[in-house]
Amino acid sequence: MSLGTDTELQNLIDVALKGDSSAQTALLDHACDRLLRLTRKMFHGYPNLRRWEQTDDIFQNAMVRLHRALANVRVESVRHFFNLAAVQVRRELLDLAKHHFGREGAGANHHTDGIPADDDGGSLQDRANKPTDVSGWNEFHEHIEQLPETDQEIVNLLFYEGLTQEEAARVLGVSLRTLKRRWQDAKFRLHEVLNRDQQR
């Protein structure tokens, strides 16, 4: 994470806040490399989806979402900008996973393991019932959307953007000790949500 780059991004955000519409496009262009890395990092969490989609396509679609979001959200900091970007990438991935692996999706009905399918779906059906399949990943990322904004921010920085705890603490303007406590709280709440869903 480059301090110089973040300073330049903040300058563009300040210009955009003054009503310069071209600053939004410049902001996206200037942050392109980091946004692509963010997309690649988040896409890595969807191993089954990589058969059907390419990083560049997901990146382009997520940036369209982000561009639209910037028209309706007053972004006031680099921190806020990348949190907003993470939300758009995550929602694009969730929508694609639902498209490909929903009941009528090609991924959900594509048999590739070389074992003939029986009336119940054969090994494809068995694999879909395992916790490591794409539905489990979908639920995980959907549950992140249900966390309080402060918890989502921590997850965005540490899990999706891949910042170290020291870097995340600087971005948030808190001590490392506070960051670690908030990270533990976020993981605990996510664990509670996941367990509650499994018990239903």
Protein backbone atom coordinates (compact mmCIF):
# COMPACT_ATOMS: atom_id res chain seq x y z
CA MET A 1 0.00 0.00 0.00
CA SER A 2 1.65 3.23 -1.17
CA LEU A 3 1.19 6.33 0.95
CA GLY A 4 1.94 8.49 -2.09
CA THR A 5 -0.72 6.74 -4.14
CA ASP A 6 -3.26 7.08 -1.35
CA THR A 7 -2.46 10.78 -1.05
CA GLU A 8 -3.11 11.21 -4.77
CA LEU A 9 -6.35 9.25 -4.48
CA GLN A 10 -7.46 11.46 -1.60
CA ASN A 11 -6.72 14.54 -3.68
CA LEU A 12 -8.96 13.18 -6.45
CA ILE A 13 -11.69 12.45 -3.91
CA ASP A 14 -11.43 16.02 -2.62
CA VAL A 15 -11.81 17.33 -6.17
CA ALA A 16 -14.83 15.08 -6.74
CA LEU A 17 -16.44 16.37 -3.54
CA LYS A 18 -16.25 19.88 -5.01
CA GLY A 19 -18.49 18.76 -7.87
CA ASP A 20 -15.98 17.88 -10.59
CA SER A 21 -17.65 14.90 -12.30
CA SER A 22 -14.50 14.04 -14.25
CA ALA A 23 -12.71 13.36 -10.96
CA GLN A 24 -14.72 10.15 -10.50
CA THR A 25 -13.37 8.72 -13.75
CA ALA A 26 -9.87 9.87 -12.85
CA LEU A 27 -10.28 8.24 -9.43
CA LEU A 28 -11.17 4.88 -10.99
CA ASP A 29 -8.33 5.15 -13.51
CA HIS A 30 -5.79 6.07 -10.83
CA ALA A 31 -6.87 3.21 -8.54
CA CYS A 32 -7.10 0.68 -11.39
CA ASP A 33 -4.16 -1.51 -10.36
CA ARG A 34 -5.29 -1.80 -6.75
CA LEU A 35 -8.88 -2.44 -7.80
CA LEU A 36 -7.72 -5.21 -10.12
CA ARG A 37 -5.68 -6.78 -7.31
CA LEU A 38 -8.72 -6.52 -5.05
CA THR A 39 -10.88 -8.26 -7.67
CA ARG A 40 -8.29 -11.00 -8.17
CA LYS A 41 -8.02 -11.57 -4.42
CA MET A 42 -11.78 -11.82 -3.97
CA PHE A 43 -12.21 -13.98 -7.09
CA HIS A 44 -9.71 -16.44 -5.59
CA GLY A 45 -12.37 -17.26 -3.00
CA TYR A 46 -14.63 -18.67 -5.72
CA PRO A 47 -12.59 -21.59 -7.14
CA ASN A 48 -15.51 -23.21 -8.99
CA LEU A 49 -16.46 -19.92 -10.63
CA ARG A 50 -13.08 -19.64 -12.36
CA ARG A 51 -14.19 -22.32 -14.84
CA TRP A 52 -16.89 -19.97 -16.15
CA GLU A 53 -15.56 -16.45 -15.69
CA GLN A 54 -12.35 -14.45 -16.21
CA THR A 55 -10.87 -11.94 -13.79
CA ASP A 56 -10.89 -9.13 -16.37
CA ASP A 57 -14.61 -9.55 -17.06
CA ILE A 58 -15.47 -9.54 -13.37
CA PHE A 59 -13.26 -6.51 -12.89
CA GLN A 60 -14.99 -4.59 -15.70
CA ASN A 61 -18.46 -5.44 -14.41
CA ALA A 62 -17.54 -4.54 -10.84
CA MET A 63 -16.12 -1.21 -12.02
CA VAL A 64 -19.39 -0.43 -13.79
CA ARG A 65 -21.13 -1.11 -10.50
CA LEU A 66 -18.64 1.08 -8.66
CA HIS A 67 -19.04 3.91 -11.17
CA ARG A 68 -22.81 3.82 -10.62
CA ALA A 69 -22.38 3.69 -6.86
CA LEU A 70 -20.10 6.74 -6.95
CA ALA A 71 -22.95 8.69 -8.53
CA ASN A 72 -25.09 8.05 -5.45
CA VAL A 73 -22.59 7.84 -2.61
CA ARG A 74 -20.54 10.70 -1.22
CA VAL A 75 -17.09 9.14 -0.87
CA GLU A 76 -14.99 11.13 1.56
CA SER A 77 -11.81 9.10 1.98
CA VAL A 78 -9.60 6.47 0.37
CA ARG A 79 -10.74 4.10 3.12
CA HIS A 80 -14.38 4.67 2.19
CA PHE A 81 -13.61 4.33 -1.53
CA PHE A 82 -12.00 0.89 -1.22
CA ASN A 83 -14.70 -0.36 1.14
CA LEU A 84 -17.27 0.67 -1.45
CA ALA A 85 -15.22 -1.07 -4.16
CA ALA A 86 -15.02 -4.29 -2.14
CA VAL A 87 -18.79 -4.32 -1.75
CA GLN A 88 -19.29 -3.95 -5.53
CA VAL A 89 -16.81 -6.75 -6.35
CA ARG A 90 -18.38 -9.05 -3.76
CA ARG A 91 -21.88 -8.42 -5.11
CA GLU A 92 -20.73 -9.04 -8.68
CA LEU A 93 -19.20 -12.37 -7.63
CA LEU A 94 -22.31 -13.38 -5.71
CA ASP A 95 -24.55 -12.57 -8.67
CA LEU A 96 -22.31 -14.55 -11.02
CA ALA A 97 -22.21 -17.52 -8.65
CA LYS A 98 -26.00 -17.50 -8.43
CA HIS A 99 -26.22 -17.25 -12.22
CA HIS A 100 -23.89 -20.17 -12.86
CA PHE A 101 -24.70 -22.37 -9.87
CA GLY A 102 -28.35 -21.68 -9.26
CA ARG A 103 -30.89 -24.40 -9.92
CA GLU A 104 -30.91 -23.70 -13.67
CA GLY A 105 -27.28 -22.61 -13.98
CA ALA A 106 -24.83 -24.35 -16.29
CA GLY A 107 -22.32 -24.91 -13.50
CA ALA A 108 -24.88 -26.63 -11.30
CA ASN A 109 -25.89 -29.01 -14.09
CA HIS A 110 -22.54 -29.63 -15.77
CA HIS A 111 -21.19 -33.11 -15.15
CA THR A 112 -17.40 -33.29 -15.54
CA ASP A 113 -16.04 -35.88 -13.11
CA GLY A 114 -16.18 -38.81 -15.55
CA ILE A 115 -18.58 -40.81 -13.37
CA PRO A 116 -22.01 -41.46 -14.92
CA ALA A 117 -24.83 -39.62 -13.24
CA ASP A 118 -27.61 -41.68 -11.70
CA ASP A 119 -31.21 -40.58 -11.18
CA ASP A 120 -30.18 -38.57 -8.11
CA GLY A 121 -27.34 -36.75 -9.86
CA GLY A 122 -24.54 -39.17 -9.05
CA SER A 123 -21.30 -37.80 -7.67
CA LEU A 124 -22.22 -34.33 -8.86
CA GLN A 125 -25.09 -34.37 -6.38
CA ASP A 126 -22.80 -35.64 -3.64
CA ARG A 127 -20.27 -32.89 -4.29
CA ALA A 128 -22.94 -30.19 -4.15
CA ASN A 129 -23.81 -31.32 -0.64
CA LYS A 130 -20.28 -30.90 0.64
CA PRO A 131 -19.44 -27.73 2.61
CA THR A 132 -16.58 -26.95 0.23
CA ASP A 133 -18.84 -26.45 -2.79
CA VAL A 134 -19.69 -23.05 -4.26
CA SER A 135 -22.91 -22.71 -2.26
CA GLY A 136 -20.83 -22.70 0.91
CA TRP A 137 -18.69 -19.90 -0.47
CA ASN A 138 -21.81 -17.96 -1.47
CA GLU A 139 -23.23 -18.23 2.02
CA PHE A 140 -19.95 -17.10 3.54
CA HIS A 141 -19.76 -13.97 1.38
CA GLU A 142 -23.47 -13.24 1.76
CA HIS A 143 -23.11 -13.39 5.53
CA ILE A 144 -20.34 -10.82 5.36
CA GLU A 145 -22.92 -8.49 3.79
CA GLN A 146 -25.05 -8.96 6.92
CA LEU A 147 -22.32 -7.86 9.34
CA PRO A 148 -22.31 -4.34 10.79
CA GLU A 149 -20.45 -1.86 8.58
CA THR A 150 -17.52 -1.65 10.98
CA ASP A 151 -17.06 -5.43 10.82
CA GLN A 152 -17.42 -5.45 7.02
CA GLU A 153 -14.69 -2.84 6.82
CA ILE A 154 -12.29 -4.98 8.84
CA VAL A 155 -13.05 -8.03 6.66
CA ASN A 156 -12.62 -5.96 3.49
CA LEU A 157 -9.20 -4.72 4.54
CA LEU A 158 -7.75 -7.91 6.01
CA PHE A 159 -9.47 -10.71 4.10
CA TYR A 160 -10.27 -9.22 0.70
CA GLU A 161 -7.66 -6.50 0.21
CA GLY A 162 -4.96 -8.54 1.91
CA LEU A 163 -3.57 -5.75 4.09
CA THR A 164 -1.49 -6.67 7.10
CA GLN A 165 -2.93 -5.87 10.50
CA GLU A 166 -0.41 -3.05 10.85
CA GLU A 167 -1.47 -1.54 7.50
CA ALA A 168 -5.17 -1.89 8.32
CA ALA A 169 -4.64 -0.19 11.67
CA ARG A 170 -3.01 2.78 9.90
CA VAL A 171 -5.84 2.98 7.35
CA LEU A 172 -8.43 3.00 10.13
CA GLY A 173 -6.43 5.34 12.34
CA VAL A 174 -6.47 2.99 15.34
CA SER A 175 -3.89 1.19 17.40
CA LEU A 176 -2.78 -2.30 16.43
CA ARG A 177 -4.28 -3.58 19.69
CA THR A 178 -7.67 -2.05 18.82
CA LEU A 179 -7.48 -3.46 15.29
CA LYS A 180 -6.81 -6.97 16.62
CA ARG A 181 -9.73 -6.70 19.04
CA ARG A 182 -12.09 -5.53 16.27
CA TRP A 183 -10.88 -8.32 13.97
CA GLN A 184 -11.59 -10.93 16.67
CA ASP A 185 -15.05 -9.41 17.24
CA ALA A 186 -15.80 -9.49 13.50
CA LYS A 187 -14.73 -13.13 13.18
CA PHE A 188 -16.79 -14.05 16.24
CA ARG A 189 -19.93 -12.40 14.85
CA LEU A 190 -19.42 -14.06 11.47
CA HIS A 191 -18.97 -17.41 13.18
CA GLU A 192 -22.21 -16.87 15.12
CA VAL A 193 -24.14 -16.03 11.95
CA LEU A 194 -22.79 -19.07 10.09
CA ASN A 195 -23.57 -21.42 12.97
CA ARG A 196 -27.07 -19.99 13.35
CA ASP A 197 -27.79 -20.66 9.68
CA GLN A 198 -26.48 -24.23 9.89
CA GLN A 199 -28.77 -24.98 12.85
CA ARG A 200 -31.92 -23.93 10.98
